[in-house]
Structures are given as structure tokens and as C-alpha cells.
Amino acid sequence: MVLLYKSKHTGVTGNQLDFDNAAKEMSIKQQSWLKNALSVMFSDGHNWLNNL
């Protein structure tokens, strides 16, 4: 949930690093949830989608 909020502010120092670190540890179910949520929020795409 926190990463979804941070996805709106990828230019803020630390948000990309938080995503990079968390994505490595996320389960398939967690990755799927975040991927779906990002797809809904950013219908034109989001750079994090390529890394999930």
C-alpha cells in the first residue's frame, strides 16, 4: 500500500530505492496486487510495471 502511494512521487528521494528494495522481497501475490493497482492508477503506464 505504501509503494502505491509512493508511485505517485517517484521523483522524491528514496521512493525509487524503496521500490527497488521491496520488489526483490515481494511474493508473487504481492507483486500481482501492486501491478494491478498501478495499472488502474496509471492507465498510460508506469515505469515500475516493467520491474514487477
Protein backbone atom coordinates (compact mmCIF):
# COMPACT_ATOMS: atom_id res chain seq x y z
CA MET A 1 0.00 0.00 0.00
CA VAL A 2 2.82 2.37 0.83
CA LEU A 3 4.51 1.73 -2.51
CA LEU A 4 1.28 2.55 -4.30
CA TYR A 5 1.27 5.95 -2.60
CA LYS A 6 4.97 6.44 -3.35
CA SER A 7 4.38 5.55 -7.00
CA LYS A 8 2.78 8.96 -7.49
CA HIS A 9 6.00 10.63 -6.34
CA THR A 10 8.86 8.71 -7.93
CA GLY A 11 10.97 11.87 -8.05
CA VAL A 12 11.03 12.12 -4.26
CA THR A 13 14.36 10.99 -2.85
CA GLY A 14 14.15 7.43 -1.64
CA ASN A 15 10.89 6.34 -3.28
CA GLN A 16 12.61 4.56 -6.18
CA LEU A 17 15.09 2.98 -3.78
CA ASP A 18 12.25 1.81 -1.54
CA PHE A 19 10.55 0.22 -4.55
CA ASP A 20 13.76 -1.42 -5.75
CA ASN A 21 14.42 -2.94 -2.33
CA ALA A 22 10.83 -4.02 -1.70
CA ALA A 23 10.27 -5.51 -5.16
CA LYS A 24 13.08 -8.01 -4.54
CA GLU A 25 11.33 -9.29 -1.42
CA MET A 26 7.70 -9.28 -2.60
CA SER A 27 5.81 -12.50 -3.13
CA ILE A 28 4.16 -13.22 -6.48
CA LYS A 29 0.80 -12.33 -4.91
CA GLN A 30 2.12 -9.00 -3.64
CA GLN A 31 3.71 -8.19 -6.99
CA SER A 32 0.45 -9.03 -8.75
CA TRP A 33 -1.54 -6.78 -6.42
CA LEU A 34 0.83 -3.85 -6.94
CA LYS A 35 0.96 -4.40 -10.70
CA ASN A 36 -2.84 -4.38 -10.89
CA ALA A 37 -3.13 -1.29 -8.68
CA LEU A 38 -0.51 0.59 -10.72
CA SER A 39 -2.29 -0.36 -13.94
CA VAL A 40 -5.55 1.05 -12.60
CA MET A 41 -3.98 4.27 -11.29
CA PHE A 42 -1.70 4.84 -14.28
CA SER A 43 -3.64 3.74 -17.34
CA ASP A 44 -0.89 5.21 -19.56
CA GLY A 45 1.70 3.04 -17.81
CA HIS A 46 4.26 3.42 -15.06
CA ASN A 47 7.95 2.62 -15.11
CA TRP A 48 7.63 0.30 -12.09
CA LEU A 49 5.36 -2.04 -14.03
CA ASN A 50 8.35 -3.26 -16.03
CA ASN A 51 10.10 -4.30 -12.84
CA LEU A 52 7.36 -6.45 -11.35
